[in-house]
Amino acid sequence: MPKVYLDNAATTAVRPEVVATMIEVLQNEYGNPSSTHNIGQSSKAILEQCRKDIAKMFKAHPGEIIFTSGGTEADNLVLRAAVRDLNTQVLITSPIEHHAVLHTAEALAQEYNITLELVDIDIRGAVDLAHLEALLEQYQGQKVLVSLMHVNNEIGVILPLKRVADLCKTFGALLHSDTVQSIGHYPIDFSEIPLDFAAVAAHKFHGPKGVGFAFIRRGSGLNPMILGGGQERGMRAGTEPVYAVAGMTKALECAYHHLEQEAAYVRSLKERFISGVSALPGVRLNGGCGDLENSTYTLVNVGLPIDPAQSAMLLFQLDLKGVACSQGSACQSGSSGGSHVLQALDKVGVPMMPSLRFSFSMFNTPDDIDFALESLKSLLEPSA
């Protein structure tokens, strides 16, 4: 049976170069980077070189890169510390954020009795910048934190990050962005874009799971969320997984070295998929994912003309045929409530349909796309 993996927004296959890097470090650099002896300091040197290399890629200061276990921890670290330590009074986010942000924001609103505002979205799933500006103006003079993701993980809409960052600075608000779906796929210059905080996960750009980093601009005033030793410049206690950090760094180096070529290739796969799926009767592209200029080239979210009760079975049937995709974020796959992103679109006039997300990578082929389309078509046919 063929195996066609089209769930790259959930996680990606690890590059062979990354595996080789991690094995080398695991075998030869086993010291604790906090140890003062030579073996420990050898690991420390690798860790700090990785920090410098990553900072250089994004034109940041090495001290602004704090290694974490991934995007969810980075989101929690920033949001919780900003509310706790910076006297944040208002938190503005959107209804289509990843739950690492939404659930944290809701919890913080209850724990600290702060105001939580959800900025409007349009039928594409794009943030209404006029409404965001109105909210910033409404709360001007208060301590405001804005958290908006750069690329949505379900419908792929891209936030104009520089424009939003400039808008926040105009009104004196802090900006956090979950960049989990964009880092490694788009160049980001932290010296040019005045955002304050960002979250990154290595497994979204062909690196290992369980490692990522938070970008925390110098002078932010944040204190650690995890207490213990003084690792990560005092911002995140716990012995660092040097092999995983080395793997993440290698994955980033590969991603940006081959970015133009690989992005063009993956975009061609998305175009091929859109062309094929659009020919199927009753199928809809959800949100703005069909807009190649304003959505990421890595994913498509497809509304299907079937009974909602059939959607889970369709996913199972595709899996049996050898096609791996998803109904939305892998992080909420155990939830029975459906996609909160599609529910938010429903509220602005885009009726919910049973939907599947297909996401692509450089490891996919045109044959993969064609096989997935034929499999989907066969299951949607009345005789299927």
Protein backbone atom coordinates (compact mmCIF):
# COMPACT_ATOMS: atom_id res chain seq x y z
CA MET A 1 0.00 0.00 0.00
CA PRO A 2 1.35 3.46 -0.86
CA LYS A 3 2.01 5.85 1.97
CA VAL A 4 1.32 9.47 1.09
CA TYR A 5 1.98 11.84 3.99
CA LEU A 6 0.06 15.10 3.58
CA ASP A 7 -0.07 16.21 7.21
CA ASN A 8 3.08 18.32 7.32
CA ALA A 9 1.35 21.10 9.26
CA ALA A 10 1.11 18.63 12.14
CA THR A 11 4.75 17.57 11.92
CA THR A 12 7.41 17.04 9.29
CA ALA A 13 9.84 14.27 8.48
CA VAL A 14 13.32 14.96 9.84
CA ARG A 15 15.97 15.79 7.24
CA PRO A 16 18.77 13.20 6.94
CA GLU A 17 21.35 15.93 7.63
CA VAL A 18 19.55 16.74 10.87
CA VAL A 19 19.52 13.10 11.96
CA ALA A 20 23.24 12.85 11.26
CA THR A 21 23.93 15.99 13.29
CA MET A 22 21.94 14.74 16.27
CA ILE A 23 23.59 11.31 16.23
CA GLU A 24 27.02 12.94 16.18
CA VAL A 25 26.17 15.07 19.21
CA LEU A 26 24.48 12.21 21.06
CA GLN A 27 27.49 9.97 20.62
CA ASN A 28 30.26 12.45 21.26
CA GLU A 29 28.90 15.43 23.23
CA TYR A 30 27.11 13.87 26.17
CA GLY A 31 28.24 16.34 28.83
CA ASN A 32 25.85 18.49 30.83
CA PRO A 33 26.31 22.02 29.46
CA SER A 34 26.04 23.41 32.99
CA SER A 35 29.02 21.38 34.20
CA THR A 36 32.29 23.26 34.62
CA HIS A 37 34.60 20.48 33.48
CA ASN A 38 35.89 20.18 29.93
CA ILE A 39 33.31 17.63 28.76
CA GLY A 40 30.45 19.77 30.00
CA GLN A 41 31.93 22.94 28.54
CA SER A 42 32.28 21.24 25.16
CA SER A 43 28.50 20.71 25.18
CA LYS A 44 28.04 24.29 26.36
CA ALA A 45 30.09 25.54 23.42
CA ILE A 46 27.81 23.71 20.98
CA LEU A 47 24.72 25.09 22.70
CA GLU A 48 25.96 28.68 22.58
CA GLN A 49 27.16 28.37 18.98
CA CYS A 50 23.68 27.17 18.04
CA ARG A 51 22.18 30.15 19.85
CA LYS A 52 24.45 32.51 17.93
CA ASP A 53 23.72 30.81 14.62
CA ILE A 54 19.96 30.99 15.14
CA ALA A 55 20.12 34.61 16.28
CA LYS A 56 22.11 35.50 13.17
CA MET A 57 19.47 33.96 10.89
CA PHE A 58 16.83 36.30 12.30
CA LYS A 59 19.06 39.32 13.01
CA ALA A 60 18.48 38.97 16.74
CA HIS A 61 20.83 39.06 19.71
CA PRO A 62 21.89 35.62 21.02
CA GLY A 63 20.53 36.51 24.44
CA GLU A 64 17.07 36.87 22.89
CA ILE A 65 16.91 33.18 21.92
CA ILE A 66 15.63 31.01 24.78
CA PHE A 67 15.49 27.28 24.07
CA THR A 68 12.25 25.54 25.07
CA SER A 69 10.53 22.20 24.56
CA GLY A 70 8.59 23.63 21.63
CA GLY A 71 6.02 26.17 20.55
CA THR A 72 3.45 25.51 23.25
CA GLU A 73 5.94 26.09 26.04
CA ALA A 74 7.25 29.21 24.32
CA ASP A 75 3.70 30.60 23.98
CA ASN A 76 2.95 29.85 27.62
CA LEU A 77 6.24 31.29 28.82
CA VAL A 78 5.72 34.59 27.04
CA LEU A 79 2.02 35.09 27.72
CA ARG A 80 2.12 34.06 31.36
CA ALA A 81 5.27 36.03 32.16
CA ALA A 82 4.01 39.12 30.33
CA VAL A 83 0.78 39.15 32.32
CA ARG A 84 2.45 38.28 35.61
CA ASP A 85 5.52 40.49 35.37
CA LEU A 86 4.55 43.44 33.19
CA ASN A 87 1.24 44.37 34.79
CA THR A 88 -0.63 43.57 31.59
CA GLN A 89 -4.21 44.79 31.84
CA VAL A 90 -5.56 43.90 28.39
CA LEU A 91 -4.80 40.87 26.23
CA ILE A 92 -5.90 41.04 22.59
CA THR A 93 -5.88 37.92 20.44
CA SER A 94 -8.05 36.33 17.74
CA PRO A 95 -10.60 33.50 17.75
CA ILE A 96 -8.48 31.42 15.33
CA GLU A 97 -5.25 31.23 17.32
CA HIS A 98 -3.68 27.90 18.21
CA HIS A 99 -5.03 26.60 21.51
CA ALA A 100 -1.59 27.08 23.06
CA VAL A 101 -2.46 30.79 22.89
CA LEU A 102 -6.26 30.72 23.21
CA HIS A 103 -6.44 28.42 26.22
CA THR A 104 -3.59 30.27 27.92
CA ALA A 105 -5.27 33.62 27.28
CA GLU A 106 -8.57 32.39 28.70
CA ALA A 107 -6.85 31.03 31.79
CA LEU A 108 -4.92 34.26 32.34
CA ALA A 109 -8.09 36.34 32.05
CA GLN A 110 -9.58 34.34 34.91
CA GLU A 111 -6.46 34.08 37.05
CA TYR A 112 -5.42 37.73 36.82
CA ASN A 113 -8.79 39.35 36.11
CA ILE A 114 -7.50 41.04 32.96
CA THR A 115 -9.58 42.08 29.97
CA LEU A 116 -9.53 39.60 27.08
CA GLU A 117 -10.51 40.90 23.65
CA LEU A 118 -10.90 38.89 20.44
CA VAL A 119 -10.22 40.86 17.29
CA ASP A 120 -12.61 40.30 14.39
CA ILE A 121 -11.71 38.17 11.39
CA ASP A 122 -13.09 38.31 7.84
CA ILE A 123 -14.41 35.50 5.64
CA ARG A 124 -10.83 34.60 4.65
CA GLY A 125 -9.85 34.19 8.28
CA ALA A 126 -7.67 37.30 8.11
CA VAL A 127 -7.46 39.62 11.10
CA ASP A 128 -9.53 42.79 10.71
CA LEU A 129 -6.78 45.38 11.09
CA ALA A 130 -9.29 48.23 11.41
CA HIS A 131 -10.87 46.48 14.40
CA LEU A 132 -7.43 45.79 15.87
CA GLU A 133 -6.57 49.49 15.57
CA ALA A 134 -9.89 50.41 17.19
CA LEU A 135 -9.15 48.11 20.13
CA LEU A 136 -5.63 49.49 20.52
CA GLU A 137 -7.02 53.02 20.49
CA GLN A 138 -9.73 52.06 22.99
CA TYR A 139 -7.18 50.75 25.48
CA GLN A 140 -4.40 53.24 24.80
CA GLY A 141 -2.74 54.22 28.06
CA GLN A 142 -3.22 50.75 29.57
CA LYS A 143 -0.75 47.90 29.51
CA VAL A 144 -1.76 45.96 26.40
CA LEU A 145 -0.38 42.68 25.02
CA VAL A 146 -1.38 41.53 21.52
CA SER A 147 -0.91 37.89 20.50
CA LEU A 148 -1.56 37.03 16.84
CA MET A 149 -0.13 34.09 14.92
CA HIS A 150 1.89 34.74 11.77
CA VAL A 151 0.50 31.82 9.73
CA ASN A 152 -2.68 30.04 10.75
CA ASN A 153 -2.12 26.33 11.20
CA GLU A 154 -5.54 25.26 9.84
CA ILE A 155 -6.41 27.62 6.98
CA GLY A 156 -2.97 29.07 6.24
CA VAL A 157 -3.87 32.77 6.22
CA ILE A 158 -0.82 35.02 6.64
CA LEU A 159 -0.79 37.93 9.07
CA PRO A 160 0.99 41.07 7.76
CA LEU A 161 3.38 40.87 10.69
CA LYS A 162 5.37 44.04 10.03
CA ARG A 163 2.22 46.11 9.64
CA VAL A 164 0.72 44.71 12.82
CA ALA A 165 3.97 45.21 14.75
CA ASP A 166 4.18 48.84 13.62
CA LEU A 167 0.54 49.38 14.60
CA CYS A 168 1.14 47.96 18.06
CA LYS A 169 4.18 50.19 18.55
CA THR A 170 2.14 53.24 17.52
CA PHE A 171 -0.21 52.58 20.44
CA GLY A 172 2.45 51.40 22.89
CA ALA A 173 1.29 47.76 22.94
CA LEU A 174 3.51 44.69 23.17
CA LEU A 175 3.25 42.09 20.40
CA HIS A 176 3.69 38.33 20.65
CA SER A 177 3.39 36.12 17.57
CA ASP A 178 3.16 32.35 17.33
CA THR A 179 5.45 31.81 14.33
CA VAL A 180 5.37 28.02 14.53
CA GLN A 181 3.97 27.62 11.00
CA SER A 182 6.15 30.32 9.40
CA ILE A 183 9.69 30.01 10.78
CA GLY A 184 11.66 27.81 8.40
CA HIS A 185 9.23 28.60 5.59
CA TYR A 186 9.54 32.39 5.45
CA PRO A 187 12.45 34.71 6.27
CA ILE A 188 11.81 36.89 9.33
CA ASP A 189 14.01 39.80 10.37
CA PHE A 190 13.56 40.60 14.05
CA SER A 191 15.64 43.77 13.63
CA GLU A 192 13.17 45.09 11.05
CA ILE A 193 9.90 43.80 12.53
CA PRO A 194 9.43 45.36 15.99
CA LEU A 195 7.62 42.47 17.62
CA ASP A 196 8.53 41.70 21.22
CA PHE A 197 8.05 37.95 21.48
CA ALA A 198 7.75 34.91 19.21
CA ALA A 199 7.34 31.14 19.55
CA VAL A 200 9.05 28.50 17.37
CA ALA A 201 8.92 24.68 17.11
CA ALA A 202 11.61 22.69 15.30
CA HIS A 203 9.40 19.82 14.13
CA LYS A 204 7.50 22.10 11.74
CA PHE A 205 10.59 22.62 9.54
CA HIS A 206 12.06 19.10 9.38
CA GLY A 207 13.72 19.24 12.78
CA PRO A 208 13.19 17.05 15.86
CA LYS A 209 10.12 17.13 18.09
CA GLY A 210 10.39 18.36 21.65
CA VAL A 211 12.54 21.43 21.02
CA GLY A 212 11.95 25.01 19.96
CA PHE A 213 12.67 28.49 21.19
CA ALA A 214 11.11 31.68 22.40
CA PHE A 215 12.29 34.97 21.00
CA ILE A 216 12.20 37.45 23.89
CA ARG A 217 13.46 40.89 23.05
CA ARG A 218 16.13 42.26 25.37
CA GLY A 219 14.91 44.41 28.22
CA SER A 220 11.44 42.86 28.20
CA GLY A 221 11.32 42.43 31.97
CA LEU A 222 10.06 38.85 31.86
CA ASN A 223 10.90 36.35 34.60
CA PRO A 224 11.10 32.56 34.16
CA MET A 225 8.06 30.31 34.25
CA ILE A 226 10.04 27.14 35.03
CA LEU A 227 12.23 27.52 38.11
CA GLY A 228 15.29 25.51 39.03
CA GLY A 229 18.83 26.01 37.80
CA GLY A 230 20.00 29.08 35.96
CA GLN A 231 19.91 27.64 32.45
CA GLU A 232 18.91 29.68 29.40
CA ARG A 233 20.16 32.98 30.77
CA GLY A 234 17.97 32.37 33.83
CA MET A 235 14.80 32.33 31.70
CA ARG A 236 14.12 28.59 31.52
CA ALA A 237 15.43 26.10 34.06
CA GLY A 238 16.26 22.56 33.05
CA THR A 239 19.21 20.81 31.42
CA GLU A 240 19.19 21.63 27.73
CA PRO A 241 18.91 18.80 25.16
CA VAL A 242 22.06 19.75 23.27
CA TYR A 243 21.52 17.14 20.53
CA ALA A 244 17.99 18.44 19.86
CA VAL A 245 19.11 22.07 19.79
CA ALA A 246 21.89 21.10 17.36
CA GLY A 247 19.31 19.30 15.22
CA MET A 248 16.98 22.30 15.24
CA THR A 249 19.83 24.59 14.23
CA LYS A 250 20.82 22.29 11.38
CA ALA A 251 17.20 22.10 10.24
CA LEU A 252 16.98 25.89 10.16
CA GLU A 253 20.25 26.18 8.27
CA CYS A 254 19.01 23.71 5.65
CA ALA A 255 15.60 25.36 5.43
CA TYR A 256 16.97 28.82 4.73
CA HIS A 257 19.80 27.64 2.52
CA HIS A 258 17.30 25.90 0.20
CA LEU A 259 14.33 28.19 0.89
CA GLU A 260 13.72 29.68 -2.54
CA GLN A 261 14.00 26.38 -4.41
CA GLU A 262 12.00 24.31 -1.91
CA ALA A 263 9.29 26.93 -1.45
CA ALA A 264 8.74 27.11 -5.21
CA TYR A 265 8.51 23.33 -5.39
CA VAL A 266 6.06 22.99 -2.50
CA ARG A 267 3.99 25.85 -3.92
CA SER A 268 3.71 23.92 -7.19
CA LEU A 269 2.37 20.93 -5.24
CA LYS A 270 -0.26 23.13 -3.60
CA GLU A 271 -1.25 24.57 -6.98
CA ARG A 272 -1.56 21.06 -8.37
CA PHE A 273 -3.73 19.98 -5.46
CA ILE A 274 -5.98 23.06 -5.71
CA SER A 275 -6.43 22.51 -9.43
CA GLY A 276 -7.47 18.91 -8.89
CA VAL A 277 -9.66 19.34 -5.84
CA SER A 278 -11.46 22.36 -7.32
CA ALA A 279 -12.74 20.10 -10.09
CA LEU A 280 -14.63 17.94 -7.59
CA PRO A 281 -18.33 18.90 -7.36
CA GLY A 282 -19.35 20.74 -4.20
CA VAL A 283 -15.85 21.02 -2.77
CA ARG A 284 -14.83 24.34 -1.22
CA LEU A 285 -11.50 25.83 -0.18
CA ASN A 286 -11.93 27.10 3.38
CA GLY A 287 -10.92 30.61 4.33
CA GLY A 288 -8.26 32.19 2.18
CA CYS A 289 -6.17 29.07 1.70
CA GLY A 290 -6.68 29.18 -2.07
CA ASP A 291 -5.11 32.64 -2.28
CA LEU A 292 -1.47 31.89 -3.04
CA GLU A 293 -0.39 35.45 -2.31
CA ASN A 294 -1.95 35.79 1.12
CA SER A 295 -1.87 32.23 2.44
CA THR A 296 0.99 29.88 3.10
CA TYR A 297 2.20 27.63 0.29
CA THR A 298 2.27 24.64 2.64
CA LEU A 299 -1.40 23.76 3.20
CA VAL A 300 -4.97 23.61 1.90
CA ASN A 301 -8.16 23.24 3.95
CA VAL A 302 -10.98 21.64 1.97
CA GLY A 303 -14.71 21.71 2.73
CA LEU A 304 -16.46 18.55 1.51
CA PRO A 305 -20.08 18.00 0.38
CA ILE A 306 -20.78 15.11 2.74
CA ASP A 307 -22.79 14.50 5.86
CA PRO A 308 -20.87 15.61 8.97
CA ALA A 309 -21.23 12.12 10.41
CA GLN A 310 -19.23 10.81 7.47
CA SER A 311 -16.22 13.09 7.91
CA ALA A 312 -14.39 11.03 10.53
CA MET A 313 -15.01 7.91 8.48
CA LEU A 314 -13.66 9.66 5.38
CA LEU A 315 -10.43 10.46 7.21
CA PHE A 316 -10.21 6.81 8.25
CA GLN A 317 -10.93 5.62 4.71
CA LEU A 318 -8.21 7.87 3.29
CA ASP A 319 -5.81 6.46 5.85
CA LEU A 320 -6.72 2.94 4.75
CA LYS A 321 -5.90 3.93 1.18
CA GLY A 322 -2.52 5.20 2.37
CA VAL A 323 -3.21 8.95 2.51
CA ALA A 324 -2.43 10.73 5.78
CA CYS A 325 -4.13 14.09 6.32
CA SER A 326 -6.12 15.65 9.17
CA GLN A 327 -9.38 17.32 10.14
CA GLY A 328 -7.49 20.23 11.64
CA SER A 329 -4.79 20.78 14.22
CA ALA A 330 -3.24 17.53 15.43
CA CYS A 331 -3.19 19.05 18.91
CA GLN A 332 -6.99 18.92 19.08
CA SER A 333 -7.54 15.64 17.23
CA GLY A 334 -9.06 14.11 20.35
CA SER A 335 -11.65 16.87 20.66
CA SER A 336 -15.23 16.19 19.57
CA GLY A 337 -16.14 19.86 19.29
CA GLY A 338 -14.78 20.33 15.78
CA SER A 339 -12.41 22.99 14.54
CA HIS A 340 -12.63 26.26 16.44
CA VAL A 341 -11.12 27.96 13.38
CA LEU A 342 -13.95 26.81 11.11
CA GLN A 343 -16.47 27.70 13.83
CA ALA A 344 -15.05 31.23 13.87
CA LEU A 345 -15.43 31.41 10.08
CA ASP A 346 -19.01 30.17 10.43
CA LYS A 347 -19.78 33.16 12.64
CA VAL A 348 -18.68 35.59 9.92
CA GLY A 349 -20.76 34.00 7.19
CA VAL A 350 -18.83 30.95 5.99
CA PRO A 351 -21.09 27.96 6.78
CA MET A 352 -19.25 25.03 8.30
CA MET A 353 -18.70 21.95 6.16
CA PRO A 354 -16.97 18.69 7.00
CA SER A 355 -13.36 19.54 6.21
CA LEU A 356 -9.92 18.06 5.80
CA ARG A 357 -6.51 19.72 5.88
CA PHE A 358 -3.84 18.62 3.43
CA SER A 359 -0.35 20.00 4.01
CA PHE A 360 2.74 19.56 1.88
CA SER A 361 6.53 19.43 2.11
CA MET A 362 9.60 19.04 -0.07
CA PHE A 363 9.43 15.28 0.52
CA ASN A 364 6.13 15.03 -1.36
CA THR A 365 5.92 14.38 -5.09
CA PRO A 366 3.41 15.23 -7.84
CA ASP A 367 2.47 11.55 -7.81
CA ASP A 368 1.57 11.89 -4.12
CA ILE A 369 -0.77 14.74 -4.97
CA ASP A 370 -2.40 12.83 -7.81
CA PHE A 371 -2.85 9.72 -5.69
CA ALA A 372 -4.43 11.73 -2.86
CA LEU A 373 -6.79 13.45 -5.29
CA GLU A 374 -7.84 10.17 -6.89
CA SER A 375 -8.38 8.62 -3.46
CA LEU A 376 -10.49 11.56 -2.32
CA LYS A 377 -12.49 11.53 -5.56
CA SER A 378 -13.23 7.82 -5.25
CA LEU A 379 -14.55 8.29 -1.72
CA LEU A 380 -16.75 11.25 -2.66
CA GLU A 381 -18.38 9.51 -5.59
CA PRO A 382 -21.99 8.44 -4.88
CA SER A 383 -21.11 4.81 -5.50
CA ALA A 384 -18.25 4.92 -2.98
